[in-house]
Protein backbone atom coordinates (compact mmCIF):
# COMPACT_ATOMS: atom_id res chain seq x y z
CA MET A 1 99.67 123.44 78.41
CA LEU A 2 96.27 124.49 80.13
CA ILE A 3 95.93 127.92 81.26
CA LYS A 4 92.54 129.36 82.46
CA ASP A 5 91.64 133.02 83.45
CA LEU A 6 89.18 133.52 86.16
CA SER A 7 87.33 135.97 84.26
CA GLN A 8 86.54 133.27 81.67
CA CYS A 9 85.01 130.84 84.16
CA LEU A 10 81.22 131.37 84.73
CA GLU A 11 80.08 132.49 88.05
CA PHE A 12 77.02 131.09 89.56
CA ALA A 13 75.33 130.47 93.02
CA ALA A 14 76.34 127.17 94.37
CA GLY A 15 74.21 124.95 96.30
CA ASP A 16 75.49 126.30 99.46
CA ASN A 17 74.72 130.01 98.23
CA THR A 18 78.32 130.92 97.68
CA LYS A 19 79.35 132.70 94.48
CA LEU A 20 81.42 130.00 92.55
CA ARG A 21 83.58 129.68 89.64
CA VAL A 22 84.80 126.23 88.69
CA VAL A 23 88.18 126.72 87.48
CA LEU A 24 89.43 123.08 86.90
CA HIS A 25 87.36 120.04 86.94
CA PRO A 26 88.19 116.59 85.35
CA ASP A 27 84.60 116.34 83.80
CA HIS A 28 84.78 119.77 81.87
CA ASP A 29 88.68 119.97 81.24
CA SER A 30 91.26 117.77 79.44
CA VAL A 31 92.92 116.95 82.40
CA GLN A 32 93.54 113.71 84.34
CA ILE A 33 93.36 114.84 87.85
CA SER A 34 91.02 113.36 90.73
CA TYR A 35 90.30 116.67 92.40
CA SER A 36 88.26 119.92 91.28
CA PHE A 37 89.42 123.29 91.96
CA ALA A 38 87.09 126.35 92.42
CA HIS A 39 86.94 130.04 93.42
CA ALA A 40 84.46 131.12 95.80
CA ILE A 41 83.05 134.22 97.41
CA VAL A 42 80.77 134.73 100.44
CA LYS A 43 79.58 138.36 100.51
CA SER A 44 80.18 140.58 103.67
CA GLY A 45 77.80 139.65 106.40
CA GLU A 46 76.54 136.58 104.70
CA THR A 47 76.73 132.77 105.71
CA SER A 48 76.93 130.08 103.34
CA TYR A 49 74.15 127.22 103.78
CA LEU A 50 75.09 124.39 106.02
CA HIS A 51 76.10 121.50 103.97
CA GLN A 52 78.00 118.16 103.97
CA LEU A 53 80.15 116.59 101.31
CA SER A 54 80.99 112.99 101.29
CA THR A 55 84.53 113.88 99.89
CA SER A 56 87.29 115.97 101.66
CA GLU A 57 87.57 119.73 101.06
CA ALA A 58 90.10 122.43 101.68
CA TYR A 59 89.67 126.06 101.62
CA TYR A 60 92.50 128.54 101.03
CA ILE A 61 91.58 132.17 102.12
CA LEU A 62 92.50 134.91 99.86
CA GLN A 63 90.67 137.83 101.18
CA GLY A 64 88.37 138.87 104.08
CA GLU A 65 87.91 137.33 107.38
CA GLY A 66 85.44 134.74 108.71
CA ILE A 67 84.26 132.01 111.02
CA MET A 68 84.66 128.42 109.82
CA HIS A 69 82.01 126.00 111.16
CA ILE A 70 82.95 122.47 111.00
CA ASP A 71 80.70 120.06 112.94
CA GLN A 72 80.74 121.38 116.58
CA GLU A 73 83.73 123.51 115.95
CA ASP A 74 83.88 127.19 115.12
CA CYS A 75 87.28 129.15 114.42
CA ALA A 76 88.06 132.56 113.05
CA VAL A 77 89.91 132.39 109.54
CA PHE A 78 92.13 135.01 107.86
CA PRO A 79 94.12 135.43 104.50
CA ASN A 80 96.66 132.95 103.87
CA GLN A 81 95.18 130.25 106.05
CA LEU A 82 94.18 126.87 104.78
CA ILE A 83 91.16 124.89 106.34
CA PHE A 84 90.99 121.07 105.85
CA ILE A 85 87.34 119.80 106.01
CA PRO A 86 87.20 116.00 106.41
CA PRO A 87 84.43 114.01 104.51
CA ASN A 88 81.04 113.93 105.79
CA SER A 89 81.49 117.02 108.11
CA LYS A 90 78.58 119.47 108.44
CA GLN A 91 80.11 122.92 107.39
CA ASN A 92 79.53 126.43 106.42
CA ILE A 93 81.50 129.74 106.58
CA THR A 94 80.53 133.06 107.67
CA CYS A 95 82.06 136.41 106.32
CA THR A 96 82.55 138.68 109.37
CA SER A 97 84.59 141.38 107.49
CA GLU A 98 83.67 144.34 105.47
CA LYS A 99 85.56 143.03 102.41
CA ASP A 100 83.73 139.90 100.77
CA LEU A 101 85.41 136.46 101.96
CA VAL A 102 87.12 135.09 99.00
CA PHE A 103 88.67 131.71 98.97
CA LEU A 104 89.85 128.86 96.67
CA CYS A 105 88.26 125.39 97.20
CA ILE A 106 89.77 121.83 96.28
CA VAL A 107 87.45 119.04 96.52
CA ASP A 108 88.83 115.46 96.10
CA PRO A 109 87.90 113.45 94.76
CA ALA A 110 86.15 115.95 92.19
CA TRP A 111 83.00 117.70 93.29
CA LYS A 112 79.62 115.94 91.96
CA VAL A 113 76.27 117.12 92.84
CA GLU A 114 75.30 113.58 94.33
CA ASN A 115 78.19 113.98 96.85
CA GLU A 116 76.72 117.22 98.43
CA VAL A 117 73.67 117.51 100.80
CA ILE A 118 72.43 121.01 101.76
CA LEU A 119 71.23 120.66 105.38
């Protein structure tokens, strides 16, 4: 059984400038999965850098409100919503609430530096 506490996952600035904690990744954990799972924060009033992944991604909003930008589409996002981001989409997210925007990220196949381009 694998149980991890978020407080034990190192927080760092991701390439897109979100505050990120990798919770589960097949390269770092003894699990046989194809995806990676992370916890992300975009501070109030901030926007993540425009970026593109060659893999699919899903965000699940836990706290705060924002605007999700995927290619030519912009949409308001709120807690308890899931956003699917197709591979090769140009994307970023803006926190529009006073509270930080907090969300979970699933990348499939698992995130690798060579699969992401900051635009």
